[in-house]
PDB file of all heavy atoms in Angstrom:
ATOM      1  N   SER A   1      -7.797  -7.764 -17.766  1.00  0.00           N
ATOM      2  CA  SER A   1      -6.612  -6.999 -17.377  1.00  0.00           C
ATOM      3  C   SER A   1      -6.983  -5.793 -16.514  1.00  0.00           C
ATOM      4  O   SER A   1      -6.262  -5.442 -15.574  1.00  0.00           O
ATOM      5  CB  SER A   1      -5.832  -6.560 -18.621  1.00  0.00           C
ATOM      6  OG  SER A   1      -6.660  -5.878 -19.541  1.00  0.00           O
ATOM      7  N   PHE A   2      -8.107  -5.143 -16.817  1.00  0.00           N
ATOM      8  CA  PHE A   2      -8.569  -4.026 -15.983  1.00  0.00           C
ATOM      9  C   PHE A   2      -8.875  -4.519 -14.567  1.00  0.00           C
ATOM     10  O   PHE A   2      -8.478  -3.888 -13.574  1.00  0.00           O
ATOM     11  CB  PHE A   2      -9.815  -3.403 -16.616  1.00  0.00           C
ATOM     12  CG  PHE A   2     -10.304  -2.153 -15.925  1.00  0.00           C
ATOM     13  CD1 PHE A   2      -9.893  -0.900 -16.370  1.00  0.00           C
ATOM     14  CD2 PHE A   2     -11.168  -2.217 -14.842  1.00  0.00           C
ATOM     15  CE1 PHE A   2     -10.341   0.263 -15.740  1.00  0.00           C
ATOM     16  CE2 PHE A   2     -11.615  -1.075 -14.204  1.00  0.00           C
ATOM     17  CZ  PHE A   2     -11.195   0.172 -14.662  1.00  0.00           C
ATOM     18  N   ALA A   3      -9.588  -5.641 -14.468  1.00  0.00           N
ATOM     19  CA  ALA A   3      -9.902  -6.204 -13.157  1.00  0.00           C
ATOM     20  C   ALA A   3      -8.639  -6.611 -12.411  1.00  0.00           C
ATOM     21  O   ALA A   3      -8.538  -6.420 -11.188  1.00  0.00           O
ATOM     22  CB  ALA A   3     -10.832  -7.406 -13.315  1.00  0.00           C
ATOM     23  N   ALA A   4      -7.662  -7.138 -13.130  1.00  0.00           N
ATOM     24  CA  ALA A   4      -6.403  -7.533 -12.501  1.00  0.00           C
ATOM     25  C   ALA A   4      -5.674  -6.313 -11.944  1.00  0.00           C
ATOM     26  O   ALA A   4      -5.092  -6.370 -10.856  1.00  0.00           O
ATOM     27  CB  ALA A   4      -5.510  -8.264 -13.512  1.00  0.00           C
ATOM     28  N   GLY A   5      -5.716  -5.202 -12.669  1.00  0.00           N
ATOM     29  CA  GLY A   5      -5.094  -3.974 -12.182  1.00  0.00           C
ATOM     30  C   GLY A   5      -5.764  -3.468 -10.917  1.00  0.00           C
ATOM     31  O   GLY A   5      -5.092  -3.094  -9.951  1.00  0.00           O
ATOM     32  N   GLY A   6      -7.099  -3.467 -10.911  1.00  0.00           N
ATOM     33  CA  GLY A   6      -7.822  -3.049  -9.716  1.00  0.00           C
ATOM     34  C   GLY A   6      -7.549  -3.962  -8.540  1.00  0.00           C
ATOM     35  O   GLY A   6      -7.349  -3.507  -7.405  1.00  0.00           O
ATOM     36  N   ALA A   7      -7.521  -5.270  -8.800  1.00  0.00           N
ATOM     37  CA  ALA A   7      -7.255  -6.232  -7.735  1.00  0.00           C
ATOM     38  C   ALA A   7      -5.841  -6.069  -7.188  1.00  0.00           C
ATOM     39  O   ALA A   7      -5.613  -6.205  -5.977  1.00  0.00           O
ATOM     40  CB  ALA A   7      -7.457  -7.653  -8.256  1.00  0.00           C
ATOM     41  N   ALA A   8      -4.889  -5.770  -8.070  1.00  0.00           N
ATOM     42  CA  ALA A   8      -3.506  -5.571  -7.627  1.00  0.00           C
ATOM     43  C   ALA A   8      -3.409  -4.379  -6.689  1.00  0.00           C
ATOM     44  O   ALA A   8      -2.695  -4.431  -5.671  1.00  0.00           O
ATOM     45  CB  ALA A   8      -2.595  -5.372  -8.838  1.00  0.00           C
ATOM     46  N   TYR A   9      -4.127  -3.310  -6.998  1.00  0.00           N
ATOM     47  CA  TYR A   9      -4.094  -2.135  -6.120  1.00  0.00           C
ATOM     48  C   TYR A   9      -4.724  -2.449  -4.767  1.00  0.00           C
ATOM     49  O   TYR A   9      -4.191  -2.091  -3.715  1.00  0.00           O
ATOM     50  CB  TYR A   9      -4.817  -0.959  -6.777  1.00  0.00           C
ATOM     51  CG  TYR A   9      -4.658   0.324  -6.002  1.00  0.00           C
ATOM     52  CD1 TYR A   9      -3.591   1.172  -6.273  1.00  0.00           C
ATOM     53  CD2 TYR A   9      -5.541   0.669  -4.990  1.00  0.00           C
ATOM     54  CE1 TYR A   9      -3.421   2.350  -5.551  1.00  0.00           C
ATOM     55  CE2 TYR A   9      -5.371   1.832  -4.270  1.00  0.00           C
ATOM     56  CZ  TYR A   9      -4.312   2.667  -4.556  1.00  0.00           C
ATOM     57  OH  TYR A   9      -4.150   3.808  -3.820  1.00  0.00           O
ATOM     58  N   ILE A  10      -5.877  -3.130  -4.803  1.00  0.00           N
ATOM     59  CA  ILE A  10      -6.557  -3.476  -3.544  1.00  0.00           C
ATOM     60  C   ILE A  10      -5.680  -4.397  -2.697  1.00  0.00           C
ATOM     61  O   ILE A  10      -5.556  -4.220  -1.475  1.00  0.00           O
ATOM     62  CB  ILE A  10      -7.910  -4.145  -3.846  1.00  0.00           C
ATOM     63  CG1 ILE A  10      -8.848  -3.140  -4.525  1.00  0.00           C
ATOM     64  CG2 ILE A  10      -8.543  -4.685  -2.566  1.00  0.00           C
ATOM     65  CD1 ILE A  10     -10.117  -3.754  -5.068  1.00  0.00           C
ATOM     66  N   GLY A  11      -5.057  -5.391  -3.350  1.00  0.00           N
ATOM     67  CA  GLY A  11      -4.195  -6.307  -2.616  1.00  0.00           C
ATOM     68  C   GLY A  11      -3.008  -5.597  -1.988  1.00  0.00           C
ATOM     69  O   GLY A  11      -2.635  -5.879  -0.839  1.00  0.00           O
ATOM     70  N   THR A  12      -2.428  -4.667  -2.739  1.00  0.00           N
ATOM     71  CA  THR A  12      -1.293  -3.911  -2.210  1.00  0.00           C
ATOM     72  C   THR A  12      -1.714  -3.043  -1.031  1.00  0.00           C
ATOM     73  O   THR A  12      -1.000  -2.934  -0.030  1.00  0.00           O
ATOM     74  CB  THR A  12      -0.683  -3.033  -3.315  1.00  0.00           C
ATOM     75  OG1 THR A  12      -0.307  -3.855  -4.417  1.00  0.00           O
ATOM     76  CG2 THR A  12       0.541  -2.292  -2.804  1.00  0.00           C
ATOM     77  N   GLU A  13      -2.880  -2.425  -1.151  1.00  0.00           N
ATOM     78  CA  GLU A  13      -3.387  -1.591  -0.062  1.00  0.00           C
ATOM     79  C   GLU A  13      -3.628  -2.422   1.198  1.00  0.00           C
ATOM     80  O   GLU A  13      -3.318  -1.980   2.320  1.00  0.00           O
ATOM     81  CB  GLU A  13      -4.681  -0.920  -0.518  1.00  0.00           C
ATOM     82  CG  GLU A  13      -5.141   0.206   0.386  1.00  0.00           C
ATOM     83  CD  GLU A  13      -6.345   0.933  -0.194  1.00  0.00           C
ATOM     84  OE1 GLU A  13      -7.319   0.238  -0.571  1.00  0.00           O
ATOM     85  OE2 GLU A  13      -6.308   2.173  -0.290  1.00  0.00           O
ATOM     86  N   MET A  14      -4.166  -3.629   1.025  1.00  0.00           N
ATOM     87  CA  MET A  14      -4.387  -4.518   2.173  1.00  0.00           C
ATOM     88  C   MET A  14      -3.064  -4.900   2.825  1.00  0.00           C
ATOM     89  O   MET A  14      -2.958  -4.975   4.056  1.00  0.00           O
ATOM     90  CB  MET A  14      -5.144  -5.768   1.723  1.00  0.00           C
ATOM     91  CG  MET A  14      -6.580  -5.507   1.311  1.00  0.00           C
ATOM     92  SD  MET A  14      -7.374  -6.966   0.565  1.00  0.00           S
ATOM     93  CE  MET A  14      -7.310  -8.104   1.957  1.00  0.00           C
ATOM     94  N   LEU A  15      -2.041  -5.142   1.989  1.00  0.00           N
ATOM     95  CA  LEU A  15      -0.727  -5.493   2.518  1.00  0.00           C
ATOM     96  C   LEU A  15      -0.133  -4.338   3.314  1.00  0.00           C
ATOM     97  O   LEU A  15       0.440  -4.537   4.396  1.00  0.00           O
ATOM     98  CB  LEU A  15       0.206  -5.888   1.372  1.00  0.00           C
ATOM     99  CG  LEU A  15       1.642  -6.272   1.756  1.00  0.00           C
ATOM    100  CD1 LEU A  15       1.641  -7.485   2.682  1.00  0.00           C
ATOM    101  CD2 LEU A  15       2.471  -6.543   0.501  1.00  0.00           C
ATOM    102  N   ILE A  16      -0.278  -3.125   2.791  1.00  0.00           N
ATOM    103  CA  ILE A  16       0.228  -1.944   3.500  1.00  0.00           C
ATOM    104  C   ILE A  16      -0.458  -1.801   4.853  1.00  0.00           C
ATOM    105  O   ILE A  16       0.191  -1.535   5.868  1.00  0.00           O
ATOM    106  CB  ILE A  16       0.002  -0.673   2.651  1.00  0.00           C
ATOM    107  CG1 ILE A  16       0.852  -0.714   1.384  1.00  0.00           C
ATOM    108  CG2 ILE A  16       0.346   0.577   3.457  1.00  0.00           C
ATOM    109  CD1 ILE A  16       0.533   0.394   0.409  1.00  0.00           C
ATOM    110  N   GLU A  17      -1.778  -1.974   4.877  1.00  0.00           N
ATOM    111  CA  GLU A  17      -2.516  -1.855   6.135  1.00  0.00           C
ATOM    112  C   GLU A  17      -2.076  -2.916   7.134  1.00  0.00           C
ATOM    113  O   GLU A  17      -1.979  -2.657   8.339  1.00  0.00           O
ATOM    114  CB  GLU A  17      -4.014  -1.970   5.859  1.00  0.00           C
ATOM    115  CG  GLU A  17      -4.582  -0.774   5.105  1.00  0.00           C
ATOM    116  CD  GLU A  17      -6.042  -0.961   4.736  1.00  0.00           C
ATOM    117  OE1 GLU A  17      -6.568  -2.078   4.958  1.00  0.00           O
ATOM    118  OE2 GLU A  17      -6.633  -0.008   4.214  1.00  0.00           O
ATOM    119  N   ARG A  18      -1.803  -4.126   6.642  1.00  0.00           N
ATOM    120  CA  ARG A  18      -1.359  -5.196   7.541  1.00  0.00           C
ATOM    121  C   ARG A  18       0.013  -4.885   8.125  1.00  0.00           C
ATOM    122  O   ARG A  18       0.253  -5.075   9.317  1.00  0.00           O
ATOM    123  CB  ARG A  18      -1.342  -6.522   6.787  1.00  0.00           C
ATOM    124  CG  ARG A  18      -0.928  -7.722   7.633  1.00  0.00           C
ATOM    125  CD  ARG A  18      -1.137  -9.014   6.881  1.00  0.00           C
ATOM    126  NE  ARG A  18      -2.547  -9.211   6.537  1.00  0.00           N
ATOM    127  CZ  ARG A  18      -3.002 -10.270   5.869  1.00  0.00           C
ATOM    128  NH1 ARG A  18      -2.162 -11.216   5.478  1.00  0.00           N
ATOM    129  NH2 ARG A  18      -4.282 -10.382   5.600  1.00  0.00           N
ATOM    130  N   ILE A  19       0.921  -4.403   7.261  1.00  0.00           N
ATOM    131  CA  ILE A  19       2.256  -4.045   7.737  1.00  0.00           C
ATOM    132  C   ILE A  19       2.168  -2.894   8.731  1.00  0.00           C
ATOM    133  O   ILE A  19       2.827  -2.880   9.769  1.00  0.00           O
ATOM    134  CB  ILE A  19       3.168  -3.668   6.552  1.00  0.00           C
ATOM    135  CG1 ILE A  19       3.422  -4.885   5.678  1.00  0.00           C
ATOM    136  CG2 ILE A  19       4.495  -3.091   7.048  1.00  0.00           C
ATOM    137  CD1 ILE A  19       4.174  -4.570   4.397  1.00  0.00           C
ATOM    138  N   SER A  20       1.308  -1.912   8.401  1.00  0.00           N
ATOM    139  CA  SER A  20       1.157  -0.741   9.256  1.00  0.00           C
ATOM    140  C   SER A  20       0.629  -1.114  10.634  1.00  0.00           C
ATOM    141  O   SER A  20       1.119  -0.634  11.655  1.00  0.00           O
ATOM    142  CB  SER A  20       0.220   0.265   8.590  1.00  0.00           C
ATOM    143  OG  SER A  20      -0.018   1.360   9.437  1.00  0.00           O
ATOM    144  N   SER A  21      -0.362  -2.001  10.681  1.00  0.00           N
ATOM    145  CA  SER A  21      -0.946  -2.392  11.962  1.00  0.00           C
ATOM    146  C   SER A  21       0.018  -3.213  12.805  1.00  0.00           C
ATOM    147  O   SER A  21      -0.090  -3.251  14.025  1.00  0.00           O
ATOM    148  CB  SER A  21      -2.227  -3.194  11.726  1.00  0.00           C
ATOM    149  OG  SER A  21      -1.941  -4.399  11.030  1.00  0.00           O
ATOM    150  N   ALA A  22       0.989  -3.871  12.150  1.00  0.00           N
ATOM    151  CA  ALA A  22       1.958  -4.689  12.879  1.00  0.00           C
ATOM    152  C   ALA A  22       3.105  -3.864  13.439  1.00  0.00           C
ATOM    153  O   ALA A  22       3.900  -4.350  14.238  1.00  0.00           O
ATOM    154  CB  ALA A  22       2.506  -5.790  11.972  1.00  0.00           C
ATOM    155  N   ARG A  23       3.200  -2.615  12.996  1.00  0.00           N
ATOM    156  CA  ARG A  23       4.283  -1.750  13.456  1.00  0.00           C
ATOM    157  C   ARG A  23       3.782  -0.792  14.522  1.00  0.00           C
ATOM    158  O   ARG A  23       2.589  -0.532  14.625  1.00  0.00           O
ATOM    159  CB  ARG A  23       4.874  -0.945  12.286  1.00  0.00           C
ATOM    160  CG  ARG A  23       5.698  -1.820  11.346  1.00  0.00           C
ATOM    161  CD  ARG A  23       6.126  -1.011  10.128  1.00  0.00           C
ATOM    162  NE  ARG A  23       7.086  -1.771   9.332  1.00  0.00           N
ATOM    163  CZ  ARG A  23       8.386  -1.599   9.376  1.00  0.00           C
ATOM    164  NH1 ARG A  23       8.899  -0.695  10.189  1.00  0.00           N
ATOM    165  NH2 ARG A  23       9.202  -2.312   8.632  1.00  0.00           N
ATOM    166  N   SER A  24       4.693  -0.241  15.255  1.00  0.00           N
ATOM    167  CA  SER A  24       4.338   0.762  16.266  1.00  0.00           C
ATOM    168  C   SER A  24       5.108   2.037  15.984  1.00  0.00           C
ATOM    169  O   SER A  24       6.104   2.022  15.274  1.00  0.00           O
ATOM    170  CB  SER A  24       4.679   0.252  17.669  1.00  0.00           C
ATOM    171  OG  SER A  24       6.060  -0.071  17.769  1.00  0.00           O
ATOM    172  N   GLY A  25       4.699   3.115  16.566  1.00  0.00           N
ATOM    173  CA  GLY A  25       5.430   4.371  16.421  1.00  0.00           C
ATOM    174  C   GLY A  25       5.225   4.993  15.068  1.00  0.00           C
ATOM    175  O   GLY A  25       4.353   5.807  14.862  1.00  0.00           O
ATOM    176  N   GLY A  26       6.065   4.619  14.087  1.00  0.00           N
ATOM    177  CA  GLY A  26       6.050   5.275  12.784  1.00  0.00           C
ATOM    178  C   GLY A  26       5.154   4.603  11.783  1.00  0.00           C
ATOM    179  O   GLY A  26       5.415   4.662  10.591  1.00  0.00           O
ATOM    180  N   SER A  27       4.109   3.921  12.228  1.00  0.00           N
ATOM    181  CA  SER A  27       3.255   3.175  11.307  1.00  0.00           C
ATOM    182  C   SER A  27       2.577   4.098  10.300  1.00  0.00           C
ATOM    183  O   SER A  27       2.474   3.766   9.120  1.00  0.00           O
ATOM    184  CB  SER A  27       2.204   2.379  12.089  1.00  0.00           C
ATOM    185  OG  SER A  27       1.388   3.237  12.847  1.00  0.00           O
ATOM    186  N   SER A  28       2.083   5.258  10.757  1.00  0.00           N
ATOM    187  CA  SER A  28       1.420   6.173   9.835  1.00  0.00           C
ATOM    188  C   SER A  28       2.395   6.669   8.779  1.00  0.00           C
ATOM    189  O   SER A  28       2.072   6.749   7.593  1.00  0.00           O
ATOM    190  CB  SER A  28       0.839   7.360  10.608  1.00  0.00           C
ATOM    191  OG  SER A  28      -0.152   6.927  11.499  1.00  0.00           O
ATOM    192  N   MET A  29       3.585   7.010   9.212  1.00  0.00           N
ATOM    193  CA  MET A  29       4.621   7.452   8.286  1.00  0.00           C
ATOM    194  C   MET A  29       4.921   6.363   7.272  1.00  0.00           C
ATOM    195  O   MET A  29       5.028   6.613   6.067  1.00  0.00           O
ATOM    196  CB  MET A  29       5.878   7.797   9.086  1.00  0.00           C
ATOM    197  CG  MET A  29       7.126   7.997   8.249  1.00  0.00           C
ATOM    198  SD  MET A  29       7.073   9.490   7.254  1.00  0.00           S
ATOM    199  CE  MET A  29       8.653   9.348   6.417  1.00  0.00           C
ATOM    200  N   TRP A  30       5.046   5.124   7.741  1.00  0.00           N
ATOM    201  CA  TRP A  30       5.350   3.998   6.854  1.00  0.00           C
ATOM    202  C   TRP A  30       4.240   3.810   5.824  1.00  0.00           C
ATOM    203  O   TRP A  30       4.504   3.615   4.643  1.00  0.00           O
ATOM    204  CB  TRP A  30       5.517   2.737   7.709  1.00  0.00           C
ATOM    205  CG  TRP A  30       5.615   1.459   6.945  1.00  0.00           C
ATOM    206  CD1 TRP A  30       4.635   0.538   6.765  1.00  0.00           C
ATOM    207  CD2 TRP A  30       6.764   0.960   6.252  1.00  0.00           C
ATOM    208  NE1 TRP A  30       5.091  -0.513   6.014  1.00  0.00           N
ATOM    209  CE2 TRP A  30       6.396  -0.274   5.677  1.00  0.00           C
ATOM    210  CE3 TRP A  30       8.067   1.426   6.057  1.00  0.00           C
ATOM    211  CZ2 TRP A  30       7.275  -1.054   4.932  1.00  0.00           C
ATOM    212  CZ3 TRP A  30       8.948   0.649   5.309  1.00  0.00           C
ATOM    213  CH2 TRP A  30       8.558  -0.560   4.759  1.00  0.00           C
ATOM    214  N   MET A  31       2.998   3.859   6.254  1.00  0.00           N
ATOM    215  CA  MET A  31       1.889   3.625   5.349  1.00  0.00           C
ATOM    216  C   MET A  31       1.802   4.710   4.276  1.00  0.00           C
ATOM    217  O   MET A  31       1.581   4.422   3.102  1.00  0.00           O
ATOM    218  CB  MET A  31       0.579   3.556   6.135  1.00  0.00           C
ATOM    219  CG  MET A  31      -0.612   3.131   5.293  1.00  0.00           C
ATOM    220  SD  MET A  31      -2.046   2.770   6.321  1.00  0.00           S
ATOM    221  CE  MET A  31      -3.219   2.264   5.052  1.00  0.00           C
ATOM    222  N   ILE A  32       1.947   5.952   4.670  1.00  0.00           N
ATOM    223  CA  ILE A  32       1.894   7.047   3.708  1.00  0.00           C
ATOM    224  C   ILE A  32       3.021   6.919   2.693  1.00  0.00           C
ATOM    225  O   ILE A  32       2.817   7.045   1.485  1.00  0.00           O
ATOM    226  CB  ILE A  32       1.976   8.409   4.430  1.00  0.00           C
ATOM    227  CG1 ILE A  32       0.707   8.651   5.249  1.00  0.00           C
ATOM    228  CG2 ILE A  32       2.177   9.547   3.425  1.00  0.00           C
ATOM    229  CD1 ILE A  32       0.797   9.855   6.154  1.00  0.00           C
ATOM    230  N   TYR A  33       4.230   6.637   3.183  1.00  0.00           N
ATOM    231  CA  TYR A  33       5.386   6.550   2.291  1.00  0.00           C
ATOM    232  C   TYR A  33       5.214   5.423   1.278  1.00  0.00           C
ATOM    233  O   TYR A  33       5.414   5.612   0.073  1.00  0.00           O
ATOM    234  CB  TYR A  33       6.652   6.324   3.109  1.00  0.00           C
ATOM    235  CG  TYR A  33       7.907   6.260   2.271  1.00  0.00           C
ATOM    236  CD1 TYR A  33       8.549   7.436   1.886  1.00  0.00           C
ATOM    237  CD2 TYR A  33       8.432   5.055   1.848  1.00  0.00           C
ATOM    238  CE1 TYR A  33       9.690   7.401   1.102  1.00  0.00           C
ATOM    239  CE2 TYR A  33       9.562   5.006   1.068  1.00  0.00           C
ATOM    240  CZ  TYR A  33      10.196   6.179   0.699  1.00  0.00           C
ATOM    241  OH  TYR A  33      11.317   6.131  -0.088  1.00  0.00           O
ATOM    242  N   VAL A  34       4.846   4.229   1.757  1.00  0.00           N
ATOM    243  CA  VAL A  34       4.704   3.080   0.865  1.00  0.00           C
ATOM    244  C   VAL A  34       3.577   3.312  -0.139  1.00  0.00           C
ATOM    245  O   VAL A  34       3.706   2.977  -1.329  1.00  0.00           O
ATOM    246  CB  VAL A  34       4.467   1.798   1.678  1.00  0.00           C
ATOM    247  CG1 VAL A  34       4.177   0.623   0.757  1.00  0.00           C
ATOM    248  CG2 VAL A  34       5.690   1.487   2.532  1.00  0.00           C
ATOM    249  N   ALA A  35       2.467   3.899   0.314  1.00  0.00           N
ATOM    250  CA  ALA A  35       1.336   4.142  -0.581  1.00  0.00           C
ATOM    251  C   ALA A  35       1.738   5.061  -1.733  1.00  0.00           C
ATOM    252  O   ALA A  35       1.414   4.801  -2.899  1.00  0.00           O
ATOM    253  CB  ALA A  35       0.168   4.735   0.196  1.00  0.00           C
ATOM    254  N   VAL A  36       2.438   6.138  -1.428  1.00  0.00           N
ATOM    255  CA  VAL A  36       2.850   7.073  -2.482  1.00  0.00           C
ATOM    256  C   VAL A  36       3.915   6.444  -3.377  1.00  0.00           C
ATOM    257  O   VAL A  36       3.917   6.637  -4.600  1.00  0.00           O
ATOM    258  CB  VAL A  36       3.357   8.394  -1.871  1.00  0.00           C
ATOM    259  CG1 VAL A  36       3.862   9.329  -2.955  1.00  0.00           C
ATOM    260  CG2 VAL A  36       2.245   9.064  -1.088  1.00  0.00           C
ATOM    261  N   ALA A  37       4.827   5.665  -2.793  1.00  0.00           N
ATOM    262  CA  ALA A  37       5.847   4.986  -3.590  1.00  0.00           C
ATOM    263  C   ALA A  37       5.200   4.033  -4.586  1.00  0.00           C
ATOM    264  O   ALA A  37       5.609   3.954  -5.758  1.00  0.00           O
ATOM    265  CB  ALA A  37       6.814   4.233  -2.678  1.00  0.00           C
ATOM    266  N   ILE A  38       4.175   3.313  -4.155  1.00  0.00           N
ATOM    267  CA  ILE A  38       3.467   2.397  -5.057  1.00  0.00           C
ATOM    268  C   ILE A  38       2.731   3.176  -6.138  1.00  0.00           C
ATOM    269  O   ILE A  38       2.716   2.779  -7.312  1.00  0.00           O
ATOM    270  CB  ILE A  38       2.499   1.514  -4.253  1.00  0.00           C
ATOM    271  CG1 ILE A  38       3.299   0.523  -3.401  1.00  0.00           C
ATOM    272  CG2 ILE A  38       1.538   0.765  -5.176  1.00  0.00           C
ATOM    273  CD1 ILE A  38       2.466  -0.270  -2.438  1.00  0.00           C
ATOM    274  N   ASP A  39       2.131   4.297  -5.759  1.00  0.00           N
ATOM    275  CA  ASP A  39       1.425   5.118  -6.744  1.00  0.00           C
ATOM    276  C   ASP A  39       2.387   5.616  -7.824  1.00  0.00           C
ATOM    277  O   ASP A  39       2.088   5.552  -9.024  1.00  0.00           O
ATOM    278  CB  ASP A  39       0.756   6.296  -6.039  1.00  0.00           C
ATOM    279  CG  ASP A  39      -0.012   7.174  -7.014  1.00  0.00           C
ATOM    280  OD1 ASP A  39      -0.995   6.699  -7.590  1.00  0.00           O
ATOM    281  OD2 ASP A  39       0.393   8.324  -7.225  1.00  0.00           O
ATOM    282  N   LEU A  40       3.565   6.089  -7.418  1.00  0.00           N
ATOM    283  CA  LEU A  40       4.545   6.565  -8.395  1.00  0.00           C
ATOM    284  C   LEU A  40       5.121   5.409  -9.209  1.00  0.00           C
ATOM    285  O   LEU A  40       5.470   5.581 -10.381  1.00  0.00           O
ATOM    286  CB  LEU A  40       5.659   7.329  -7.687  1.00  0.00           C
ATOM    287  CG  LEU A  40       5.266   8.742  -7.243  1.00  0.00           C
ATOM    288  CD1 LEU A  40       6.308   9.317  -6.295  1.00  0.00           C
ATOM    289  CD2 LEU A  40       5.098   9.665  -8.440  1.00  0.00           C
ATOM    290  N   SER A  41       5.219   4.228  -8.604  1.00  0.00           N
ATOM    291  CA  SER A  41       5.642   3.056  -9.368  1.00  0.00           C
ATOM    292  C   SER A  41       4.617   2.749 -10.460  1.00  0.00           C
ATOM    293  O   SER A  41       4.984   2.365 -11.583  1.00  0.00           O
ATOM    294  CB  SER A  41       5.806   1.851  -8.438  1.00  0.00           C
ATOM    295  OG  SER A  41       6.825   2.080  -7.486  1.00  0.00           O
ATOM    296  N   GLY A  42       3.329   2.924 -10.132  1.00  0.00           N
ATOM    297  CA  GLY A  42       2.288   2.759 -11.138  1.00  0.00           C
ATOM    298  C   GLY A  42       2.410   3.776 -12.256  1.00  0.00           C
ATOM    299  O   GLY A  42       2.192   3.454 -13.433  1.00  0.00           O
ATOM    300  N   ASP A  43       2.768   5.010 -11.906  1.00  0.00           N
ATOM    301  CA  ASP A  43       3.006   6.026 -12.937  1.00  0.00           C
ATOM    302  C   ASP A  43       4.136   5.595 -13.860  1.00  0.00           C
ATOM    303  O   ASP A  43       4.057   5.748 -15.086  1.00  0.00           O
ATOM    304  CB  ASP A  43       3.365   7.368 -12.282  1.00  0.00           C
ATOM    305  CG  ASP A  43       2.218   7.951 -11.478  1.00  0.00           C
ATOM    306  OD1 ASP A  43       1.084   7.463 -11.629  1.00  0.00           O
ATOM    307  OD2 ASP A  43       2.463   8.887 -10.707  1.00  0.00           O
TER     308      ASP A  43
END
């Protein structure tokens, strides 16, 4: 379960980076927002 939690975070981070690289303009804003939203969802 610990490994699954770590893998879930890594997978989510990879997804955010992929979405961010596919966007233009506000990609940095999008990545920061989604990353913090996921972190608070984990909380």
